[in-house]
Amino acid sequence: MSTGPLILGPMLRYVDETSASIWVETRGDCRVSVRVDGGSWHARTFTVHGHHYALVEIDGLDPGTMRPYEVEIDGVRAWPQPGSAAPQPVIATLAPGRPLRLAYGSCRTSVAHDRTGNRTHGVDSLRTFALALTEGSAIRPDLLLFLGDQVYADSTTEEMQRFIRSRRDIREEPGEELKDFEEYAHLYQLAWSDEANRWLLSTVPTAMIFDDHDIRDDWNASRDWRRKMEATSWWHGRIVAGLASYWVYQHLGNLSPEGRAADELWQRVRSHRGPGPLDLTDALDEFAARCDADPESYRWSYSRDLDDVRLIVVDSRMARDLTPSDRAMLAADELAWFDDRMRGGFRHVLVASSLPFLLPMGLHHLEAWNEALAQGAWGRVGGWLGERLRQAVDLEHWAAFQNSFQAVARIATEVADGRRGPAPQTLTFLSGDVHYSYLAEVERDEGSRILQAVCSPVRNPLPRFLRWFAVAMSYGVAAPLGAAAARSVKVADPPFRWKSVKGPWFDNNLALLVDSADGLELTWSTGIVDGDERHPRLAEVESVEVAARRARAPRG
């Protein structure tokens, strides 16, 4: 871990054609400055539970430029660190007309990058990519998108458990799981302090969204699950700490300058004029508690237009409506927001959701059947069994929220058919979560191609005894048998069919999406050790070219 004035960072977050934002965690109250091309931008730190943070907003940059930068703490250079062998970090602004390059993945555990860590968790594909980028052997992305489970609050490593034991009795609830903000802060340090990954995060812009393990496995799977958590002695503290830390470490940097300006907490930071640092602790904890009690009081989803590509990042955890009669992945207000942003007129529309929208069809039908069972399709006993099964094997993806699945499928089809403006070349769902990667496509003869491109895990491989289940759900009789089960409880058929194009792959992976001249190029890469455990090489797992179809006239 770092011993300088910076605990974490600098992390390059939101970047567009003329602006950038850089986030840091520091050891104390200070003035943080970022220097670029002779210009200087500054921010004072604010505190949360005794930790110090700053986000420096940089403006007035030229489009399509790549400029090195330095970070100073109270006038003394803190980054790049003296003697660092890594290239100097840069701010690369977007350029109009330049094809998008986007890397993405999900599910990354924080264990050592030695032989033991690589044996138990595989090689870190993110770190492998970072090393390849320093050597010039990897394509530099315009954006690195993390699709959930950036940290594991409920399944901690031995190193994290040592920290927990240093401050409380680990035999008491919640045991080896995280309890408060201080433990979240340490977990983020473990996740983002490796030298290679830290350099990568300092020089490639990042965007993020949470998934269940950022809080707890099966987070908001059902009303029954939520009531069980609320009955514990520790859940309220966990959800408040989890959401508060997520706002600081992840969400704040997702926002555009306009989005931050509208954020109630950031307004407090920007307007503070006191003699000492702003202590945001109480306001942030109150905000997190309110978000948990009233999910519609704040939106964690966001969207960005990257030249002629629209990226919509969907909150598929906090935005749920768990009312049994109105179960929805996206509550009414969130669905309306999503509906408003699903428009044509772009070369590509990317919908990023931590959970795959299109599961293998056999698994899709199983989850749809399970939702109906848990809702009482076979009576009280069947409902009890369905709920136990849902929580036992994580049957809580989009397919298990049929109201939302059908609504989003309809919206996606309208975009792809050209009913919401000129049809894009592709409409692609980017996802993670399931701990295997694959590419699926909706069976269509006309209009936009509708794809599901999953990259998971970055570093947390699926146990081998579970891999057969993923394969079984992807091929053979799983789809027709699952469909028959779903129809037996009167689940509506999906509005379209889809099939697996490539995969599944069980490697630790990082995916790269490139907007090509005639569609998309998708590449999954993993880390391979050739003798030196700490210096793996990047190896391609699969590469797929998705050509666009010829445009057609919109339907009336």
Protein backbone atom coordinates (compact mmCIF):
# COMPACT_ATOMS: atom_id res chain seq x y z
CA MET A 1 0.00 0.00 0.00
CA SER A 2 1.07 3.59 -0.64
CA THR A 3 3.13 5.45 1.97
CA GLY A 4 2.94 8.88 0.30
CA PRO A 5 0.33 11.61 0.75
CA LEU A 6 -2.02 9.78 -1.64
CA ILE A 7 -3.76 6.70 -0.24
CA LEU A 8 -5.58 5.99 -3.50
CA GLY A 9 -5.48 7.60 -6.89
CA PRO A 10 -5.15 9.62 -8.85
CA MET A 11 -8.06 8.01 -10.67
CA LEU A 12 -9.09 9.47 -14.01
CA ARG A 13 -12.86 9.41 -14.05
CA TYR A 14 -15.30 11.27 -16.33
CA VAL A 15 -13.62 12.61 -19.49
CA ASP A 16 -15.29 14.19 -22.51
CA GLU A 17 -14.04 16.39 -25.36
CA THR A 18 -13.00 19.35 -23.22
CA SER A 19 -13.16 18.33 -19.54
CA ALA A 20 -11.86 15.70 -17.15
CA SER A 21 -12.17 14.80 -13.48
CA ILE A 22 -9.51 13.31 -11.22
CA TRP A 23 -10.36 11.65 -7.89
CA VAL A 24 -8.01 11.03 -4.96
CA GLU A 25 -8.03 9.82 -1.37
CA THR A 26 -5.39 11.57 0.73
CA ARG A 27 -3.88 11.04 4.17
CA GLY A 28 -5.09 14.36 5.54
CA ASP A 29 -6.79 17.65 4.85
CA CYS A 30 -5.02 19.34 1.95
CA ARG A 31 -5.26 21.26 -1.30
CA VAL A 32 -5.08 18.99 -4.32
CA SER A 33 -3.82 20.45 -7.60
CA VAL A 34 -3.67 18.95 -11.07
CA ARG A 35 -1.26 20.47 -13.58
CA VAL A 36 -1.78 20.02 -17.32
CA ASP A 37 0.13 21.93 -20.01
CA GLY A 38 1.04 24.77 -17.68
CA GLY A 39 -2.53 25.12 -16.40
CA SER A 40 -3.56 24.24 -12.87
CA TRP A 41 -6.87 23.20 -11.32
CA HIS A 42 -7.48 22.80 -7.60
CA ALA A 43 -9.85 21.30 -5.03
CA ARG A 44 -9.91 21.16 -1.24
CA THR A 45 -10.46 17.80 0.41
CA PHE A 46 -13.66 16.88 2.22
CA THR A 47 -13.90 14.23 4.93
CA VAL A 48 -16.11 11.18 5.48
CA HIS A 49 -15.68 9.12 8.64
CA GLY A 50 -12.17 10.51 9.07
CA HIS A 51 -11.08 9.82 5.47
CA HIS A 52 -10.11 12.61 3.10
CA TYR A 53 -11.19 12.87 -0.55
CA ALA A 54 -11.07 15.32 -3.42
CA LEU A 55 -12.32 15.43 -6.97
CA VAL A 56 -10.60 17.97 -9.19
CA GLU A 57 -12.64 19.24 -12.14
CA ILE A 58 -10.54 20.20 -15.18
CA ASP A 59 -12.00 22.21 -18.04
CA GLY A 60 -10.98 24.09 -21.15
CA LEU A 61 -9.06 21.18 -22.69
CA ASP A 62 -8.72 20.70 -26.44
CA PRO A 63 -10.65 17.84 -28.08
CA GLY A 64 -8.70 14.82 -29.26
CA THR A 65 -5.53 15.60 -27.35
CA MET A 66 -3.37 13.49 -25.04
CA ARG A 67 -1.62 15.48 -22.33
CA PRO A 68 0.47 14.28 -19.36
CA TYR A 69 -0.50 15.57 -15.95
CA GLU A 70 0.87 15.82 -12.43
CA VAL A 71 -0.84 15.87 -9.03
CA GLU A 72 0.37 18.11 -6.23
CA ILE A 73 -0.57 17.98 -2.56
CA ASP A 74 -0.22 21.39 -0.90
CA GLY A 75 2.15 22.44 -3.68
CA VAL A 76 4.41 19.36 -3.57
CA ARG A 77 4.31 16.82 -6.40
CA ALA A 78 2.74 13.56 -5.27
CA TRP A 79 2.14 11.86 -8.64
CA PRO A 80 3.88 10.50 -10.63
CA GLN A 81 5.93 9.21 -7.74
CA PRO A 82 9.72 9.70 -7.93
CA GLY A 83 11.47 6.75 -9.53
CA SER A 84 8.32 5.25 -11.05
CA ALA A 85 9.07 3.13 -14.10
CA ALA A 86 5.50 3.43 -15.42
CA PRO A 87 4.70 5.89 -18.20
CA GLN A 88 3.45 9.27 -17.01
CA PRO A 89 -0.33 9.30 -16.75
CA VAL A 90 -2.20 11.30 -19.38
CA ILE A 91 -5.58 12.85 -19.97
CA ALA A 92 -6.84 11.83 -23.42
CA THR A 93 -9.89 13.85 -24.39
CA LEU A 94 -12.49 12.47 -26.78
CA ALA A 95 -12.40 13.53 -30.41
CA PRO A 96 -15.47 14.04 -32.62
CA GLY A 97 -15.68 11.33 -35.25
CA ARG A 98 -13.11 9.02 -33.66
CA PRO A 99 -14.43 5.44 -33.31
CA LEU A 100 -15.12 4.41 -29.72
CA ARG A 101 -12.92 1.87 -27.91
CA LEU A 102 -14.47 0.62 -24.68
CA ALA A 103 -13.08 -2.02 -22.31
CA TYR A 104 -15.37 -3.66 -19.77
CA GLY A 105 -15.77 -6.48 -17.28
CA SER A 106 -17.09 -7.38 -13.85
CA CYS A 107 -16.42 -9.40 -10.71
CA ARG A 108 -12.91 -8.83 -9.41
CA THR A 109 -11.54 -10.10 -6.12
CA SER A 110 -8.52 -8.52 -4.43
CA VAL A 111 -5.93 -11.17 -3.61
CA ALA A 112 -2.17 -11.28 -4.07
CA HIS A 113 -0.70 -11.50 -7.58
CA ASP A 114 1.62 -14.34 -6.63
CA ARG A 115 1.50 -18.07 -7.28
CA THR A 116 -0.99 -18.71 -4.47
CA GLY A 117 -3.33 -15.92 -5.56
CA ASN A 118 -3.16 -16.98 -9.19
CA ARG A 119 -3.83 -20.60 -8.26
CA THR A 120 -6.94 -19.82 -6.20
CA HIS A 121 -8.38 -16.88 -8.16
CA GLY A 122 -6.64 -17.00 -11.52
CA VAL A 123 -4.57 -14.25 -13.10
CA ASP A 124 -6.01 -10.75 -12.77
CA SER A 125 -7.03 -9.85 -16.33
CA LEU A 126 -7.28 -6.17 -15.43
CA ARG A 127 -3.71 -6.09 -14.15
CA THR A 128 -2.53 -8.09 -17.17
CA PHE A 129 -4.14 -5.51 -19.42
CA ALA A 130 -2.45 -2.72 -17.45
CA LEU A 131 0.96 -4.32 -17.95
CA ALA A 132 0.30 -4.80 -21.66
CA LEU A 133 -0.71 -1.16 -21.99
CA THR A 134 2.49 0.05 -20.33
CA GLU A 135 4.44 -2.00 -22.89
CA GLY A 136 2.40 -0.70 -25.82
CA SER A 137 1.02 -4.16 -26.69
CA ALA A 138 -2.64 -3.41 -25.93
CA ILE A 139 -5.16 -1.01 -27.48
CA ARG A 140 -5.75 2.01 -25.28
CA PRO A 141 -9.50 2.31 -24.58
CA ASP A 142 -11.39 5.59 -24.36
CA LEU A 143 -13.28 4.24 -21.36
CA LEU A 144 -12.96 1.37 -18.90
CA LEU A 145 -16.40 0.27 -17.69
CA PHE A 146 -16.71 -1.80 -14.50
CA LEU A 147 -20.03 -3.66 -14.42
CA GLY A 148 -20.36 -4.59 -10.77
CA ASP A 149 -18.67 -6.39 -7.91
CA GLN A 150 -15.69 -4.04 -7.84
CA VAL A 151 -15.35 -5.13 -4.20
CA TYR A 152 -16.70 -8.13 -2.29
CA ALA A 153 -18.23 -6.97 0.98
CA ASP A 154 -19.63 -10.38 1.86
CA SER A 155 -16.81 -12.72 0.84
CA THR A 156 -13.62 -11.28 2.26
CA THR A 157 -10.01 -12.31 1.77
CA GLU A 158 -7.60 -13.32 4.53
CA GLU A 159 -5.92 -9.91 4.28
CA MET A 160 -9.24 -8.13 4.76
CA GLN A 161 -10.11 -10.40 7.66
CA ARG A 162 -6.87 -9.50 9.40
CA PHE A 163 -7.91 -5.86 9.24
CA ILE A 164 -11.36 -6.72 10.62
CA ARG A 165 -9.81 -8.65 13.52
CA SER A 166 -7.61 -5.66 14.35
CA ARG A 167 -10.66 -3.56 15.22
CA ARG A 168 -13.49 -5.90 16.34
CA ASP A 169 -14.37 -9.44 17.35
CA ILE A 170 -14.81 -11.26 14.07
CA ARG A 171 -16.90 -13.94 15.79
CA GLU A 172 -19.72 -11.44 16.29
CA GLU A 173 -22.14 -10.35 13.55
CA PRO A 174 -21.53 -9.73 10.73
CA GLY A 175 -18.41 -11.85 11.21
CA GLU A 176 -16.06 -11.91 8.23
CA GLU A 177 -18.32 -9.60 6.24
CA LEU A 178 -17.95 -5.82 6.21
CA LYS A 179 -19.61 -3.83 8.95
CA ASP A 180 -18.98 -0.11 8.45
CA PHE A 181 -17.45 2.63 6.32
CA GLU A 182 -13.96 2.12 7.75
CA GLU A 183 -13.92 -1.48 6.55
CA TYR A 184 -15.23 -0.46 3.11
CA ALA A 185 -12.45 2.13 2.85
CA HIS A 186 -9.84 -0.55 3.58
CA LEU A 187 -11.41 -2.93 1.06
CA TYR A 188 -11.19 -0.29 -1.66
CA GLN A 189 -7.53 0.21 -0.78
CA LEU A 190 -6.93 -3.51 -1.29
CA ALA A 191 -8.80 -3.40 -4.60
CA TRP A 192 -7.11 -0.39 -6.17
CA SER A 193 -3.61 -0.08 -4.70
CA ASP A 194 -1.65 -2.59 -6.81
CA GLU A 195 1.02 -0.62 -8.67
CA ALA A 196 0.04 -1.73 -12.20
CA ASN A 197 -3.70 -1.34 -11.69
CA ARG A 198 -3.21 1.98 -9.96
CA TRP A 199 -1.31 3.29 -12.97
CA LEU A 200 -4.03 2.02 -15.32
CA LEU A 201 -6.75 3.79 -13.31
CA SER A 202 -4.71 7.00 -13.39
CA THR A 203 -4.50 7.13 -17.17
CA VAL A 204 -7.69 5.50 -18.56
CA PRO A 205 -11.10 7.06 -17.76
CA THR A 206 -13.43 4.81 -15.77
CA ALA A 207 -17.18 4.44 -15.24
CA MET A 208 -18.78 2.03 -12.78
CA ILE A 209 -22.03 0.55 -11.49
CA PHE A 210 -22.64 -1.67 -8.48
CA ASP A 211 -23.90 -5.23 -8.28
CA ASP A 212 -24.89 -7.41 -5.34
CA HIS A 213 -21.47 -8.23 -3.85
CA ASP A 214 -20.63 -4.54 -3.56
CA ILE A 215 -23.26 -4.81 -0.79
CA ARG A 216 -24.24 -8.48 -0.29
CA ASP A 217 -25.06 -11.59 -2.33
CA ASP A 218 -28.62 -11.53 -3.74
CA TRP A 219 -29.03 -7.86 -2.77
CA ASN A 220 -32.73 -7.02 -3.27
CA ALA A 221 -33.56 -10.42 -4.77
CA SER A 222 -37.06 -10.24 -3.29
CA ARG A 223 -39.13 -8.69 -0.54
CA ASP A 224 -38.61 -11.85 1.52
CA TRP A 225 -34.82 -11.47 1.20
CA ARG A 226 -34.99 -7.82 2.20
CA ARG A 227 -37.13 -8.52 5.28
CA LYS A 228 -34.70 -11.22 6.37
CA MET A 229 -31.81 -8.76 6.13
CA GLU A 230 -33.67 -5.99 7.94
CA ALA A 231 -34.30 -8.36 10.85
CA THR A 232 -30.56 -8.67 11.52
CA SER A 233 -28.61 -6.49 13.93
CA TRP A 234 -26.12 -5.35 11.28
CA TRP A 235 -27.93 -4.82 7.97
CA HIS A 236 -28.76 -1.14 8.42
CA GLY A 237 -25.12 -0.33 9.13
CA ARG A 238 -24.01 -2.37 6.13
CA ILE A 239 -26.35 -0.79 3.60
CA VAL A 240 -25.62 2.75 4.83
CA ALA A 241 -21.85 2.16 4.72
CA GLY A 242 -22.07 0.39 1.37
CA LEU A 243 -24.06 3.12 -0.37
CA ALA A 244 -22.11 5.94 1.27
CA SER A 245 -18.77 4.45 0.24
CA TYR A 246 -20.11 3.69 -3.24
CA TRP A 247 -21.06 7.36 -3.69
CA VAL A 248 -17.54 8.46 -2.68
CA TYR A 249 -15.41 5.81 -4.36
CA GLN A 250 -17.44 5.01 -7.47
CA HIS A 251 -20.52 7.07 -8.24
CA LEU A 252 -19.15 10.61 -7.88
CA GLY A 253 -16.68 10.04 -10.70
CA ASN A 254 -19.39 8.60 -12.98
CA LEU A 255 -21.12 11.95 -13.19
CA SER A 256 -20.61 14.57 -15.86
CA PRO A 257 -19.90 18.13 -14.71
CA GLU A 258 -23.60 18.89 -15.17
CA GLY A 259 -24.61 15.75 -13.29
CA ARG A 260 -22.32 16.59 -10.37
CA ALA A 261 -23.59 20.16 -10.27
CA ALA A 262 -27.11 18.79 -9.75
CA ASP A 263 -26.07 16.31 -7.04
CA GLU A 264 -27.16 17.44 -3.57
CA LEU A 265 -24.04 16.17 -1.82
CA TRP A 266 -21.63 17.63 -4.36
CA GLN A 267 -23.39 20.96 -4.00
CA ARG A 268 -22.42 20.88 -0.32
CA VAL A 269 -18.80 20.16 -1.24
CA ARG A 270 -18.62 22.94 -3.82
CA SER A 271 -20.35 25.56 -1.67
CA HIS A 272 -18.30 24.94 1.50
CA ARG A 273 -16.41 28.07 2.56
CA GLY A 274 -15.54 27.19 6.16
CA PRO A 275 -12.13 27.63 7.72
CA GLY A 276 -11.65 23.85 7.94
CA PRO A 277 -12.52 20.92 5.67
CA LEU A 278 -16.14 19.98 5.08
CA ASP A 279 -17.17 16.93 7.11
CA LEU A 280 -19.71 15.20 4.89
CA THR A 281 -20.18 12.20 7.19
CA ASP A 282 -23.63 12.91 8.63
CA ALA A 283 -25.10 14.21 5.38
CA LEU A 284 -23.76 11.24 3.41
CA ASP A 285 -25.00 8.67 5.93
CA GLU A 286 -28.42 10.31 6.01
CA PHE A 287 -28.47 10.32 2.20
CA ALA A 288 -27.56 6.61 2.06
CA ALA A 289 -30.23 5.69 4.60
CA ARG A 290 -32.82 7.65 2.63
CA CYS A 291 -31.83 5.95 -0.62
CA ASP A 292 -32.32 2.55 0.99
CA ALA A 293 -35.67 3.49 2.51
CA ASP A 294 -36.90 5.28 -0.63
CA PRO A 295 -35.01 4.02 -3.72
CA GLU A 296 -36.85 6.44 -6.01
CA SER A 297 -35.38 9.42 -4.14
CA TYR A 298 -32.09 9.17 -6.08
CA ARG A 299 -30.99 7.81 -9.44
CA TRP A 300 -27.77 5.78 -9.72
CA SER A 301 -28.23 5.08 -13.44
CA TYR A 302 -26.65 7.45 -15.95
CA SER A 303 -26.15 7.83 -19.68
CA ARG A 304 -23.49 9.31 -21.95
CA ASP A 305 -23.29 10.12 -25.62
CA LEU A 306 -19.80 9.24 -26.83
CA ASP A 307 -19.96 10.99 -30.20
CA ASP A 308 -22.37 8.77 -32.19
CA VAL A 309 -22.56 5.97 -29.59
CA ARG A 310 -25.09 6.18 -26.76
CA LEU A 311 -24.14 4.40 -23.53
CA ILE A 312 -26.89 3.82 -20.95
CA VAL A 313 -25.68 2.42 -17.61
CA VAL A 314 -28.58 0.85 -15.73
CA ASP A 315 -28.93 0.38 -11.98
CA SER A 316 -30.38 -3.12 -11.68
CA ARG A 317 -30.15 -3.34 -7.85
CA MET A 318 -31.38 -0.22 -6.05
CA ALA A 319 -33.99 0.63 -8.70
CA ARG A 320 -36.06 -2.50 -8.08
CA ASP A 321 -39.66 -2.61 -6.94
CA LEU A 322 -40.00 -5.65 -4.68
CA THR A 323 -43.76 -5.41 -4.14
CA PRO A 324 -44.95 -8.95 -5.02
CA SER A 325 -47.83 -7.70 -7.16
CA ASP A 326 -45.61 -5.21 -9.02
CA ARG A 327 -42.17 -6.84 -9.02
CA ALA A 328 -39.85 -4.95 -11.35
CA MET A 329 -36.14 -4.73 -12.03
CA LEU A 330 -36.78 -1.08 -12.85
CA ALA A 331 -39.47 0.69 -10.83
CA ALA A 332 -41.90 2.88 -12.76
CA ASP A 333 -39.87 6.10 -12.54
CA GLU A 334 -36.63 4.32 -13.46
CA LEU A 335 -38.26 2.57 -16.40
CA ALA A 336 -39.58 5.91 -17.64
CA TRP A 337 -36.06 7.37 -17.44
CA PHE A 338 -34.67 4.39 -19.38
CA ASP A 339 -37.49 4.56 -21.92
CA ASP A 340 -36.73 8.23 -22.57
CA ARG A 341 -33.06 7.52 -23.36
CA MET A 342 -33.65 4.54 -25.63
CA ARG A 343 -33.59 6.34 -28.97
CA GLY A 344 -32.25 5.80 -32.44
CA GLY A 345 -30.08 8.17 -34.39
CA PHE A 346 -26.80 6.67 -33.10
CA ARG A 347 -24.42 4.25 -34.80
CA HIS A 348 -24.64 2.03 -31.75
CA VAL A 349 -26.73 1.93 -28.59
CA LEU A 350 -25.02 0.24 -25.64
CA VAL A 351 -27.06 -0.75 -22.59
CA ALA A 352 -24.80 -1.62 -19.67
CA SER A 353 -26.39 -3.66 -16.90
CA SER A 354 -24.46 -5.63 -14.30
CA LEU A 355 -26.93 -8.49 -14.87
CA PRO A 356 -27.24 -10.09 -18.33
CA PHE A 357 -30.48 -9.15 -20.04
CA LEU A 358 -30.33 -12.22 -22.28
CA LEU A 359 -29.31 -15.29 -20.30
CA PRO A 360 -28.89 -18.65 -22.01
CA MET A 361 -32.48 -19.50 -22.93
CA GLY A 362 -32.72 -22.55 -20.69
CA LEU A 363 -31.70 -20.47 -17.67
CA HIS A 364 -34.00 -17.64 -18.74
CA HIS A 365 -37.02 -19.94 -18.69
CA LEU A 366 -35.94 -21.46 -15.36
CA GLU A 367 -35.79 -18.05 -13.71
CA ALA A 368 -39.12 -17.00 -15.21
CA TRP A 369 -40.70 -20.23 -13.94
CA ASN A 370 -39.16 -19.70 -10.50
CA GLU A 371 -40.55 -16.17 -10.23
CA ALA A 372 -44.06 -17.45 -10.97
CA LEU A 373 -43.58 -20.28 -8.48
CA ALA A 374 -42.42 -17.90 -5.75
CA GLN A 375 -45.38 -15.64 -6.51
CA GLY A 376 -47.78 -18.50 -5.71
CA ALA A 377 -48.50 -20.19 -9.05
CA TRP A 378 -48.50 -23.56 -7.26
CA GLY A 379 -49.91 -22.35 -3.97
CA ARG A 380 -48.31 -21.51 -0.63
CA VAL A 381 -46.02 -24.53 -0.48
CA GLY A 382 -44.85 -23.88 -4.04
CA GLY A 383 -44.29 -20.23 -3.15
CA TRP A 384 -42.15 -21.18 -0.15
CA LEU A 385 -40.13 -23.60 -2.30
CA GLY A 386 -39.73 -21.05 -5.09
CA GLU A 387 -38.40 -18.40 -2.71
CA ARG A 388 -35.92 -20.81 -1.13
CA LEU A 389 -34.73 -21.88 -4.60
CA ARG A 390 -34.45 -18.27 -5.78
CA GLN A 391 -32.12 -17.33 -2.94
CA ALA A 392 -30.17 -20.59 -2.96
CA VAL A 393 -29.04 -20.43 -6.60
CA ASP A 394 -29.30 -16.68 -7.42
CA LEU A 395 -32.35 -16.81 -9.69
CA GLU A 396 -32.80 -13.05 -9.74
CA HIS A 397 -31.69 -11.76 -13.13
CA TRP A 398 -33.85 -9.88 -15.64
CA ALA A 399 -35.70 -13.11 -16.48
CA ALA A 400 -36.86 -13.32 -12.85
CA PHE A 401 -38.50 -9.90 -13.21
CA GLN A 402 -40.75 -10.67 -16.15
CA ASN A 403 -42.60 -7.35 -16.11
CA SER A 404 -39.34 -5.49 -16.64
CA PHE A 405 -37.93 -8.02 -19.09
CA GLN A 406 -40.97 -7.76 -21.34
CA ALA A 407 -40.99 -3.95 -21.14
CA VAL A 408 -37.29 -3.57 -21.95
CA ALA A 409 -37.52 -6.15 -24.74
CA ARG A 410 -40.35 -4.16 -26.30
CA ILE A 411 -38.40 -0.89 -26.03
CA ALA A 412 -35.26 -2.48 -27.49
CA THR A 413 -37.23 -3.92 -30.41
CA GLU A 414 -38.75 -0.52 -31.18
CA VAL A 415 -35.28 1.05 -31.28
CA ALA A 416 -33.93 -1.77 -33.46
CA ASP A 417 -36.91 -1.53 -35.83
CA GLY A 418 -36.41 2.20 -36.38
CA ARG A 419 -39.57 3.26 -34.53
CA ARG A 420 -37.67 5.66 -32.29
CA GLY A 421 -35.54 7.40 -34.88
CA PRO A 422 -33.10 5.94 -37.38
CA ALA A 423 -32.20 2.41 -36.30
CA PRO A 424 -28.64 2.00 -34.99
CA GLN A 425 -26.30 -0.56 -36.51
CA THR A 426 -26.37 -2.52 -33.28
CA LEU A 427 -28.12 -2.47 -29.92
CA THR A 428 -25.84 -4.27 -27.50
CA PHE A 429 -26.38 -5.23 -23.87
CA LEU A 430 -23.08 -5.25 -21.95
CA SER A 431 -23.12 -7.28 -18.74
CA GLY A 432 -21.19 -9.33 -16.21
CA ASP A 433 -22.18 -11.12 -12.96
CA VAL A 434 -22.49 -14.76 -14.05
CA HIS A 435 -18.76 -15.67 -13.92
CA TYR A 436 -18.59 -16.82 -17.51
CA SER A 437 -18.45 -14.87 -20.76
CA TYR A 438 -20.49 -15.30 -23.92
CA LEU A 439 -22.03 -13.56 -26.91
CA ALA A 440 -25.69 -14.09 -27.78
CA GLU A 441 -27.86 -12.57 -30.49
CA VAL A 442 -31.58 -12.12 -31.03
CA GLU A 443 -32.85 -13.93 -34.13
CA ARG A 444 -33.84 -11.13 -36.52
CA ASP A 445 -33.73 -10.80 -40.30
CA GLU A 446 -34.09 -7.02 -40.48
CA GLY A 447 -33.22 -3.89 -38.55
CA SER A 448 -30.54 -3.48 -35.94
CA ARG A 449 -28.72 -6.49 -34.59
CA ILE A 450 -29.58 -7.00 -30.90
CA LEU A 451 -26.70 -8.55 -28.94
CA GLN A 452 -25.81 -9.62 -25.44
CA ALA A 453 -22.06 -9.45 -24.72
CA VAL A 454 -21.06 -10.70 -21.27
CA CYS A 455 -17.60 -10.39 -19.74
CA SER A 456 -17.26 -11.99 -16.31
CA PRO A 457 -15.19 -12.47 -14.25
CA VAL A 458 -12.23 -10.10 -14.33
CA ARG A 459 -10.78 -12.15 -11.46
CA ASN A 460 -13.00 -14.63 -9.65
CA PRO A 461 -13.44 -17.83 -11.67
CA LEU A 462 -16.50 -20.02 -11.35
CA PRO A 463 -15.83 -23.25 -9.43
CA ARG A 464 -15.35 -26.11 -11.83
CA PHE A 465 -18.25 -28.15 -10.45
CA LEU A 466 -20.64 -25.28 -11.41
CA ARG A 467 -19.37 -24.87 -14.95
CA TRP A 468 -21.33 -27.84 -16.23
CA PHE A 469 -24.56 -26.08 -15.21
CA ALA A 470 -23.68 -23.02 -17.33
CA VAL A 471 -22.95 -25.23 -20.32
CA ALA A 472 -26.12 -27.29 -19.83
CA MET A 473 -28.24 -24.13 -19.73
CA SER A 474 -26.66 -22.88 -22.96
CA TYR A 475 -27.22 -25.86 -25.23
CA GLY A 476 -29.39 -28.83 -26.07
CA VAL A 477 -32.77 -29.54 -24.51
CA ALA A 478 -32.50 -26.93 -21.74
CA ALA A 479 -34.38 -24.29 -23.76
CA PRO A 480 -37.43 -26.38 -24.78
CA LEU A 481 -37.70 -28.03 -21.34
CA GLY A 482 -37.38 -24.65 -19.64
CA ALA A 483 -39.98 -23.13 -21.95
CA ALA A 484 -42.42 -25.95 -21.14
CA ALA A 485 -41.89 -25.37 -17.40
CA ALA A 486 -42.47 -21.63 -17.81
CA ARG A 487 -45.67 -22.17 -19.80
CA SER A 488 -46.92 -24.56 -17.11
CA VAL A 489 -47.14 -21.60 -14.73
CA LYS A 490 -48.50 -19.29 -17.47
CA VAL A 491 -45.37 -17.21 -18.03
CA ALA A 492 -45.65 -15.26 -21.29
CA ASP A 493 -43.24 -16.30 -24.02
CA PRO A 494 -40.37 -13.89 -24.69
CA PRO A 495 -41.16 -11.49 -27.55
CA PHE A 496 -38.22 -12.86 -29.52
CA ARG A 497 -35.78 -15.75 -29.55
CA TRP A 498 -32.03 -15.56 -29.16
CA LYS A 499 -29.16 -17.98 -29.40
CA SER A 500 -25.58 -18.27 -28.24
CA VAL A 501 -23.09 -17.09 -30.87
CA LYS A 502 -19.86 -17.69 -28.96
CA GLY A 503 -19.01 -19.11 -25.56
CA PRO A 504 -19.35 -19.74 -22.74
CA TRP A 505 -15.74 -19.13 -21.64
CA PHE A 506 -14.71 -19.50 -18.02
CA ASP A 507 -11.40 -17.62 -18.14
CA ASN A 508 -10.79 -14.45 -16.17
CA ASN A 509 -11.43 -11.92 -18.93
CA LEU A 510 -11.45 -8.28 -19.90
CA ALA A 511 -13.44 -7.43 -23.02
CA LEU A 512 -12.71 -4.71 -25.58
CA LEU A 513 -15.46 -3.28 -27.80
CA VAL A 514 -14.32 -1.29 -30.86
CA ASP A 515 -16.63 0.68 -33.12
CA SER A 516 -15.42 -0.53 -36.50
CA ALA A 517 -16.15 0.77 -39.99
CA ASP A 518 -19.00 -1.68 -40.46
CA GLY A 519 -20.26 -2.64 -37.04
CA LEU A 520 -18.51 -3.76 -33.87
CA GLU A 521 -15.44 -5.77 -33.00
CA LEU A 522 -15.56 -7.61 -29.66
CA THR A 523 -12.47 -9.22 -28.15
CA TRP A 524 -12.12 -11.12 -24.86
CA SER A 525 -8.60 -11.39 -23.41
CA THR A 526 -7.12 -13.18 -20.42
CA GLY A 527 -3.81 -13.33 -18.56
CA ILE A 528 -1.33 -16.17 -19.13
CA VAL A 529 1.65 -16.88 -16.87
CA ASP A 530 4.85 -17.93 -18.62
CA GLY A 531 7.07 -18.52 -15.62
CA ASP A 532 6.87 -15.06 -13.98
CA GLU A 533 3.72 -14.96 -11.86
CA ARG A 534 3.78 -11.17 -11.49
CA HIS A 535 4.26 -10.45 -15.19
CA PRO A 536 1.60 -12.38 -17.12
CA ARG A 537 1.01 -11.77 -20.80
CA LEU A 538 -2.26 -10.82 -22.44
CA ALA A 539 -3.76 -13.59 -24.58
CA GLU A 540 -6.83 -13.43 -26.81
CA VAL A 541 -9.64 -15.81 -25.88
CA GLU A 542 -12.02 -14.90 -28.68
CA SER A 543 -12.60 -12.13 -31.20
CA VAL A 544 -15.87 -11.55 -33.05
CA GLU A 545 -16.77 -9.10 -35.81
CA VAL A 546 -20.42 -8.03 -35.80
CA ALA A 547 -21.27 -6.52 -39.17
CA ALA A 548 -24.16 -4.09 -39.44
CA ARG A 549 -27.19 -4.92 -41.55
CA ARG A 550 -28.30 -2.69 -44.37
CA ALA A 551 -30.63 0.03 -43.09
CA ARG A 552 -34.31 -0.12 -43.93
CA ALA A 553 -37.15 2.35 -43.83
CA PRO A 554 -38.79 2.77 -40.41
CA ARG A 555 -42.15 1.20 -39.75
CA GLY A 556 -45.17 3.37 -39.21
